[in-house]
């Protein structure tokens, strides 16, 4: 469905943005089923040692590949965007990595990149609003789908509905919109992380400003 080069670059960059330090070569080797140079004879190959000495389960790469392929398959159909799809994608992405895969968080998060509070009791309601926004954007012929894709990304990362994997999920949803609209996969490069983070913060600042303006009449 995707070329190996596209999958490698997408997964390597998206994982690294979420703090996973496997390099691009290791990512390619895992996707292609090769042995890592750190693997000893007799090893199962479940773990890979990254350049910084951290051990990472190969599943952080393989599950990302599965979620990307599943997303592309669903995007090629007429199935509406839904909370069920979001939970399903998270289960595929994180199912072998955390116990709460496919479940919204029930705790509060403290994350310096989030300027808007996201209490757990508001997640389902806010996600349903995001679902409505996304599906209505698909239906409006005049809507610019590249802008819609980034709007969905920014809204999702602001809600931050899961314990882990929110960054990877936000980029998957960005590309769900793009693929359904017939656009190419967008790869957010790790080298562009400062510009990327700044765009998210600016989006949240604009939401806060609009809310204050609305409240003031």
C-alpha atoms as a PDB file:
ATOM      1  CA  UNK A   1       0.000   0.000   0.000  1.00  0.00           C
ATOM      2  CA  UNK A   2       2.930   2.311   0.769  1.00  0.00           C
ATOM      3  CA  UNK A   3       6.404   2.029  -0.657  1.00  0.00           C
ATOM      4  CA  UNK A   4       9.029   0.854   1.803  1.00  0.00           C
ATOM      5  CA  UNK A   5      10.804   4.213   1.579  1.00  0.00           C
ATOM      6  CA  UNK A   6       7.651   6.155   2.486  1.00  0.00           C
ATOM      7  CA  UNK A   7       6.821   3.797   5.356  1.00  0.00           C
ATOM      8  CA  UNK A   8      10.365   3.973   6.734  1.00  0.00           C
ATOM      9  CA  UNK A   9      10.541   7.764   6.625  1.00  0.00           C
ATOM     10  CA  UNK A  10       7.055   8.210   8.056  1.00  0.00           C
ATOM     11  CA  UNK A  11       7.463   5.729  10.922  1.00  0.00           C
ATOM     12  CA  UNK A  12      11.012   6.779  11.783  1.00  0.00           C
ATOM     13  CA  UNK A  13      10.108  10.464  12.019  1.00  0.00           C
ATOM     14  CA  UNK A  14       6.764   9.988  13.785  1.00  0.00           C
ATOM     15  CA  UNK A  15       8.310   7.622  16.331  1.00  0.00           C
ATOM     16  CA  UNK A  16      11.251   9.933  16.950  1.00  0.00           C
ATOM     17  CA  UNK A  17       8.927  12.887  17.528  1.00  0.00           C
ATOM     18  CA  UNK A  18       7.399  10.787  20.315  1.00  0.00           C
ATOM     19  CA  UNK A  19      10.783  10.117  21.920  1.00  0.00           C
ATOM     20  CA  UNK A  20      11.626   6.757  20.333  1.00  0.00           C
ATOM     21  CA  UNK A  21      15.287   6.903  19.399  1.00  0.00           C
ATOM     22  CA  UNK A  22      15.604   4.083  16.876  1.00  0.00           C
ATOM     23  CA  UNK A  23      17.407   5.482  13.858  1.00  0.00           C
ATOM     24  CA  UNK A  24      16.200   5.334  10.271  1.00  0.00           C
ATOM     25  CA  UNK A  25      18.454   2.393   9.392  1.00  0.00           C
ATOM     26  CA  UNK A  26      17.145   0.328  12.299  1.00  0.00           C
ATOM     27  CA  UNK A  27      13.577   1.237  11.380  1.00  0.00           C
ATOM     28  CA  UNK A  28      14.160   0.007   7.831  1.00  0.00           C
ATOM     29  CA  UNK A  29      15.761  -3.231   9.047  1.00  0.00           C
ATOM     30  CA  UNK A  30      12.793  -3.968  11.290  1.00  0.00           C
ATOM     31  CA  UNK A  31      10.257  -3.235   8.542  1.00  0.00           C
ATOM     32  CA  UNK A  32      12.186  -5.390   6.100  1.00  0.00           C
ATOM     33  CA  UNK A  33      12.541  -8.202   8.648  1.00  0.00           C
ATOM     34  CA  UNK A  34      16.316  -8.016   8.914  1.00  0.00           C
ATOM     35  CA  UNK A  35      18.519  -8.685  11.940  1.00  0.00           C
ATOM     36  CA  UNK A  36      19.828  -5.737  13.882  1.00  0.00           C
ATOM     37  CA  UNK A  37      23.600  -5.610  14.283  1.00  0.00           C
ATOM     38  CA  UNK A  38      23.220  -5.686  18.082  1.00  0.00           C
ATOM     39  CA  UNK A  39      21.329  -8.990  18.005  1.00  0.00           C
ATOM     40  CA  UNK A  40      23.316 -11.967  19.277  1.00  0.00           C
ATOM     41  CA  UNK A  41      22.963 -15.492  17.956  1.00  0.00           C
ATOM     42  CA  UNK A  42      20.002 -17.156  19.627  1.00  0.00           C
ATOM     43  CA  UNK A  43      18.270 -13.860  20.508  1.00  0.00           C
ATOM     44  CA  UNK A  44      14.577 -13.639  19.739  1.00  0.00           C
ATOM     45  CA  UNK A  45      15.063 -10.197  18.260  1.00  0.00           C
ATOM     46  CA  UNK A  46      12.223  -8.688  20.313  1.00  0.00           C
ATOM     47  CA  UNK A  47      14.385  -5.794  21.505  1.00  0.00           C
ATOM     48  CA  UNK A  48      16.617  -3.409  19.580  1.00  0.00           C
ATOM     49  CA  UNK A  49      19.299  -1.200  21.105  1.00  0.00           C
ATOM     50  CA  UNK A  50      19.037   2.367  19.811  1.00  0.00           C
ATOM     51  CA  UNK A  51      22.069   4.613  19.275  1.00  0.00           C
ATOM     52  CA  UNK A  52      21.569   6.169  22.728  1.00  0.00           C
ATOM     53  CA  UNK A  53      21.738   2.754  24.395  1.00  0.00           C
ATOM     54  CA  UNK A  54      18.006   2.432  25.082  1.00  0.00           C
ATOM     55  CA  UNK A  55      16.285  -0.831  24.295  1.00  0.00           C
ATOM     56  CA  UNK A  56      13.111  -0.625  22.217  1.00  0.00           C
ATOM     57  CA  UNK A  57      10.673  -3.375  21.340  1.00  0.00           C
ATOM     58  CA  UNK A  58      10.430  -3.921  17.591  1.00  0.00           C
ATOM     59  CA  UNK A  59       6.693  -3.574  18.085  1.00  0.00           C
ATOM     60  CA  UNK A  60       7.027   0.236  18.200  1.00  0.00           C
ATOM     61  CA  UNK A  61       7.867   0.000  14.497  1.00  0.00           C
ATOM     62  CA  UNK A  62       5.719  -2.944  13.404  1.00  0.00           C
ATOM     63  CA  UNK A  63       2.552  -1.741  15.151  1.00  0.00           C
ATOM     64  CA  UNK A  64       3.042   1.681  13.621  1.00  0.00           C
ATOM     65  CA  UNK A  65       3.227   0.055  10.205  1.00  0.00           C
ATOM     66  CA  UNK A  66       0.024  -1.917  10.856  1.00  0.00           C
ATOM     67  CA  UNK A  67      -1.861   1.158  12.041  1.00  0.00           C
ATOM     68  CA  UNK A  68      -0.725   3.184   9.024  1.00  0.00           C
ATOM     69  CA  UNK A  69      -1.825   0.453   6.621  1.00  0.00           C
ATOM     70  CA  UNK A  70      -5.173   0.020   8.376  1.00  0.00           C
ATOM     71  CA  UNK A  71      -5.750   3.758   8.284  1.00  0.00           C
ATOM     72  CA  UNK A  72      -5.047   3.844   4.548  1.00  0.00           C
ATOM     73  CA  UNK A  73      -7.433   0.948   3.954  1.00  0.00           C
ATOM     74  CA  UNK A  74     -10.271   2.664   5.850  1.00  0.00           C
ATOM     75  CA  UNK A  75      -9.523   5.994   4.160  1.00  0.00           C
ATOM     76  CA  UNK A  76     -10.071   4.321   0.785  1.00  0.00           C
ATOM     77  CA  UNK A  77     -13.682   3.450   1.736  1.00  0.00           C
ATOM     78  CA  UNK A  78     -16.766   5.557   2.456  1.00  0.00           C
ATOM     79  CA  UNK A  79     -16.761   4.650   6.154  1.00  0.00           C
ATOM     80  CA  UNK A  80     -17.358   7.792   8.237  1.00  0.00           C
ATOM     81  CA  UNK A  81     -14.754   9.054  10.648  1.00  0.00           C
ATOM     82  CA  UNK A  82     -15.743   7.972  14.159  1.00  0.00           C
ATOM     83  CA  UNK A  83     -14.582   7.589  17.734  1.00  0.00           C
ATOM     84  CA  UNK A  84     -14.660   3.839  17.148  1.00  0.00           C
ATOM     85  CA  UNK A  85     -12.077   4.234  14.379  1.00  0.00           C
ATOM     86  CA  UNK A  86      -9.857   6.355  16.636  1.00  0.00           C
ATOM     87  CA  UNK A  87     -10.006   3.737  19.399  1.00  0.00           C
ATOM     88  CA  UNK A  88      -9.367   0.956  16.898  1.00  0.00           C
ATOM     89  CA  UNK A  89      -6.308   2.716  15.485  1.00  0.00           C
ATOM     90  CA  UNK A  90      -4.910   3.323  18.958  1.00  0.00           C
ATOM     91  CA  UNK A  91      -5.442  -0.361  19.797  1.00  0.00           C
ATOM     92  CA  UNK A  92      -3.466  -1.371  16.700  1.00  0.00           C
ATOM     93  CA  UNK A  93      -0.756   1.212  17.369  1.00  0.00           C
ATOM     94  CA  UNK A  94      -0.292   0.534  21.091  1.00  0.00           C
ATOM     95  CA  UNK A  95      -1.908  -2.861  21.683  1.00  0.00           C
ATOM     96  CA  UNK A  96       1.298  -4.722  22.554  1.00  0.00           C
ATOM     97  CA  UNK A  97       2.931  -1.752  24.271  1.00  0.00           C
ATOM     98  CA  UNK A  98       0.495  -0.522  26.951  1.00  0.00           C
ATOM     99  CA  UNK A  99      -2.424  -2.112  28.810  1.00  0.00           C
ATOM    100  CA  UNK A 100      -4.782   0.786  28.125  1.00  0.00           C
ATOM    101  CA  UNK A 101      -4.497   0.609  24.321  1.00  0.00           C
ATOM    102  CA  UNK A 102      -7.762   1.559  22.659  1.00  0.00           C
ATOM    103  CA  UNK A 103      -9.118   3.238  25.797  1.00  0.00           C
ATOM    104  CA  UNK A 104      -9.444   6.925  26.608  1.00  0.00           C
ATOM    105  CA  UNK A 105      -7.481   7.984  29.647  1.00  0.00           C
ATOM    106  CA  UNK A 106      -9.214   8.323  33.008  1.00  0.00           C
ATOM    107  CA  UNK A 107      -6.541  10.507  34.583  1.00  0.00           C
ATOM    108  CA  UNK A 108      -5.433  14.101  34.156  1.00  0.00           C
ATOM    109  CA  UNK A 109      -2.229  14.867  32.275  1.00  0.00           C
ATOM    110  CA  UNK A 110       0.383  17.516  32.909  1.00  0.00           C
ATOM    111  CA  UNK A 111       2.051  18.325  29.616  1.00  0.00           C
ATOM    112  CA  UNK A 112       3.807  21.603  28.967  1.00  0.00           C
ATOM    113  CA  UNK A 113       2.756  21.692  25.329  1.00  0.00           C
ATOM    114  CA  UNK A 114      -0.933  21.804  26.241  1.00  0.00           C
ATOM    115  CA  UNK A 115      -2.288  25.268  26.991  1.00  0.00           C
ATOM    116  CA  UNK A 116      -5.921  24.160  27.183  1.00  0.00           C
ATOM    117  CA  UNK A 117      -7.036  21.888  30.013  1.00  0.00           C
ATOM    118  CA  UNK A 118      -8.368  18.488  28.967  1.00  0.00           C
ATOM    119  CA  UNK A 119     -10.034  16.781  31.959  1.00  0.00           C
ATOM    120  CA  UNK A 120     -10.788  13.085  31.336  1.00  0.00           C
ATOM    121  CA  UNK A 121     -14.528  13.574  31.841  1.00  0.00           C
ATOM    122  CA  UNK A 122     -14.655  15.895  28.806  1.00  0.00           C
ATOM    123  CA  UNK A 123     -12.809  13.625  26.374  1.00  0.00           C
ATOM    124  CA  UNK A 124     -15.742  11.736  24.823  1.00  0.00           C
ATOM    125  CA  UNK A 125     -17.741  14.922  24.262  1.00  0.00           C
ATOM    126  CA  UNK A 126     -14.770  16.748  22.748  1.00  0.00           C
ATOM    127  CA  UNK A 127     -13.885  13.777  20.563  1.00  0.00           C
ATOM    128  CA  UNK A 128     -17.464  13.638  19.287  1.00  0.00           C
ATOM    129  CA  UNK A 129     -17.181  17.322  18.359  1.00  0.00           C
ATOM    130  CA  UNK A 130     -13.979  16.463  16.471  1.00  0.00           C
ATOM    131  CA  UNK A 131     -15.771  13.634  14.662  1.00  0.00           C
ATOM    132  CA  UNK A 132     -18.533  16.034  13.599  1.00  0.00           C
ATOM    133  CA  UNK A 133     -15.982  18.617  12.450  1.00  0.00           C
ATOM    134  CA  UNK A 134     -14.108  16.027  10.381  1.00  0.00           C
ATOM    135  CA  UNK A 135     -17.139  14.472   8.688  1.00  0.00           C
ATOM    136  CA  UNK A 136     -18.690  17.859   7.900  1.00  0.00           C
ATOM    137  CA  UNK A 137     -15.358  18.947   6.414  1.00  0.00           C
ATOM    138  CA  UNK A 138     -15.372  15.929   4.109  1.00  0.00           C
ATOM    139  CA  UNK A 139     -18.904  16.772   2.981  1.00  0.00           C
ATOM    140  CA  UNK A 140     -18.177  20.402   2.093  1.00  0.00           C
ATOM    141  CA  UNK A 141     -16.778  20.482  -1.426  1.00  0.00           C
ATOM    142  CA  UNK A 142     -15.279  23.925  -0.878  1.00  0.00           C
ATOM    143  CA  UNK A 143     -13.363  22.876   2.241  1.00  0.00           C
ATOM    144  CA  UNK A 144      -9.598  22.834   1.741  1.00  0.00           C
ATOM    145  CA  UNK A 145      -8.722  19.315   2.777  1.00  0.00           C
ATOM    146  CA  UNK A 146      -5.069  20.047   3.566  1.00  0.00           C
ATOM    147  CA  UNK A 147      -6.222  22.698   6.051  1.00  0.00           C
ATOM    148  CA  UNK A 148      -8.881  20.339   7.423  1.00  0.00           C
ATOM    149  CA  UNK A 149      -6.207  17.695   7.982  1.00  0.00           C
ATOM    150  CA  UNK A 150      -4.096  20.042  10.090  1.00  0.00           C
ATOM    151  CA  UNK A 151      -7.171  21.280  11.968  1.00  0.00           C
ATOM    152  CA  UNK A 152      -8.006  17.683  12.904  1.00  0.00           C
ATOM    153  CA  UNK A 153      -4.393  17.116  13.956  1.00  0.00           C
ATOM    154  CA  UNK A 154      -4.287  20.222  16.155  1.00  0.00           C
ATOM    155  CA  UNK A 155      -7.677  19.577  17.751  1.00  0.00           C
ATOM    156  CA  UNK A 156      -6.758  15.972  18.533  1.00  0.00           C
ATOM    157  CA  UNK A 157      -3.382  16.779  20.078  1.00  0.00           C
ATOM    158  CA  UNK A 158      -5.087  19.460  22.189  1.00  0.00           C
ATOM    159  CA  UNK A 159      -7.606  16.927  23.522  1.00  0.00           C
ATOM    160  CA  UNK A 160      -4.773  14.428  24.178  1.00  0.00           C
ATOM    161  CA  UNK A 161      -7.245  11.600  24.863  1.00  0.00           C
ATOM    162  CA  UNK A 162      -4.825   8.749  25.563  1.00  0.00           C
ATOM    163  CA  UNK A 163      -2.206   7.965  28.183  1.00  0.00           C
ATOM    164  CA  UNK A 164       0.439   7.439  25.488  1.00  0.00           C
ATOM    165  CA  UNK A 165       0.730   7.650  21.729  1.00  0.00           C
ATOM    166  CA  UNK A 166      -1.144  10.920  21.231  1.00  0.00           C
ATOM    167  CA  UNK A 167       1.522  12.400  18.959  1.00  0.00           C
ATOM    168  CA  UNK A 168       1.654   9.360  16.713  1.00  0.00           C
ATOM    169  CA  UNK A 169      -2.151   9.215  16.654  1.00  0.00           C
ATOM    170  CA  UNK A 170      -2.462  12.883  15.730  1.00  0.00           C
ATOM    171  CA  UNK A 171      -0.185  12.353  12.735  1.00  0.00           C
ATOM    172  CA  UNK A 172      -2.121   9.242  11.717  1.00  0.00           C
ATOM    173  CA  UNK A 173      -5.378  11.219  11.779  1.00  0.00           C
ATOM    174  CA  UNK A 174      -3.730  14.035   9.830  1.00  0.00           C
ATOM    175  CA  UNK A 175      -3.018  11.493   7.127  1.00  0.00           C
ATOM    176  CA  UNK A 176      -6.424   9.840   7.325  1.00  0.00           C
ATOM    177  CA  UNK A 177      -7.913  13.134   6.153  1.00  0.00           C
ATOM    178  CA  UNK A 178      -5.222  13.637   3.531  1.00  0.00           C
ATOM    179  CA  UNK A 179      -5.499  10.114   2.084  1.00  0.00           C
ATOM    180  CA  UNK A 180      -9.290  10.242   1.928  1.00  0.00           C
ATOM    181  CA  UNK A 181      -8.970  13.556   0.076  1.00  0.00           C
ATOM    182  CA  UNK A 182      -6.552  12.010  -2.413  1.00  0.00           C
ATOM    183  CA  UNK A 183      -3.520  13.847  -1.055  1.00  0.00           C
ATOM    184  CA  UNK A 184      -0.077  12.377  -0.422  1.00  0.00           C
ATOM    185  CA  UNK A 185       1.084  11.213   2.991  1.00  0.00           C
ATOM    186  CA  UNK A 186       2.470  14.090   5.042  1.00  0.00           C
ATOM    187  CA  UNK A 187       5.707  13.267   6.859  1.00  0.00           C
ATOM    188  CA  UNK A 188       6.485  15.584   9.764  1.00  0.00           C
ATOM    189  CA  UNK A 189      10.267  15.495   9.965  1.00  0.00           C
ATOM    190  CA  UNK A 190      11.998  15.337  13.321  1.00  0.00           C
ATOM    191  CA  UNK A 191      14.301  18.117  12.117  1.00  0.00           C
ATOM    192  CA  UNK A 192      11.231  20.378  11.870  1.00  0.00           C
ATOM    193  CA  UNK A 193      10.067  19.650  15.435  1.00  0.00           C
ATOM    194  CA  UNK A 194      10.445  23.238  16.680  1.00  0.00           C
ATOM    195  CA  UNK A 195       8.355  24.652  13.841  1.00  0.00           C
ATOM    196  CA  UNK A 196       5.854  21.812  14.342  1.00  0.00           C
ATOM    197  CA  UNK A 197       5.531  22.408  18.090  1.00  0.00           C
ATOM    198  CA  UNK A 198       5.201  26.145  17.546  1.00  0.00           C
ATOM    199  CA  UNK A 199       2.293  25.607  15.145  1.00  0.00           C
ATOM    200  CA  UNK A 200       0.450  23.519  17.765  1.00  0.00           C
ATOM    201  CA  UNK A 201       0.978  26.151  20.458  1.00  0.00           C
ATOM    202  CA  UNK A 202      -0.155  28.944  18.137  1.00  0.00           C
ATOM    203  CA  UNK A 203      -3.321  27.005  17.314  1.00  0.00           C
ATOM    204  CA  UNK A 204      -4.134  26.652  21.006  1.00  0.00           C
ATOM    205  CA  UNK A 205      -3.404  30.326  21.637  1.00  0.00           C
ATOM    206  CA  UNK A 206      -5.851  31.240  18.871  1.00  0.00           C
ATOM    207  CA  UNK A 207      -8.523  28.992  20.401  1.00  0.00           C
ATOM    208  CA  UNK A 208      -8.040  30.673  23.774  1.00  0.00           C
ATOM    209  CA  UNK A 209      -8.248  34.138  22.222  1.00  0.00           C
ATOM    210  CA  UNK A 210     -11.449  33.252  20.334  1.00  0.00           C
ATOM    211  CA  UNK A 211     -13.026  31.806  23.480  1.00  0.00           C
ATOM    212  CA  UNK A 212     -12.238  34.977  25.431  1.00  0.00           C
ATOM    213  CA  UNK A 213     -13.610  37.154  22.638  1.00  0.00           C
ATOM    214  CA  UNK A 214     -16.816  35.101  22.538  1.00  0.00           C
ATOM    215  CA  UNK A 215     -17.201  35.252  26.317  1.00  0.00           C
ATOM    216  CA  UNK A 216     -16.794  39.025  26.334  1.00  0.00           C
ATOM    217  CA  UNK A 217     -19.581  39.393  23.795  1.00  0.00           C
END
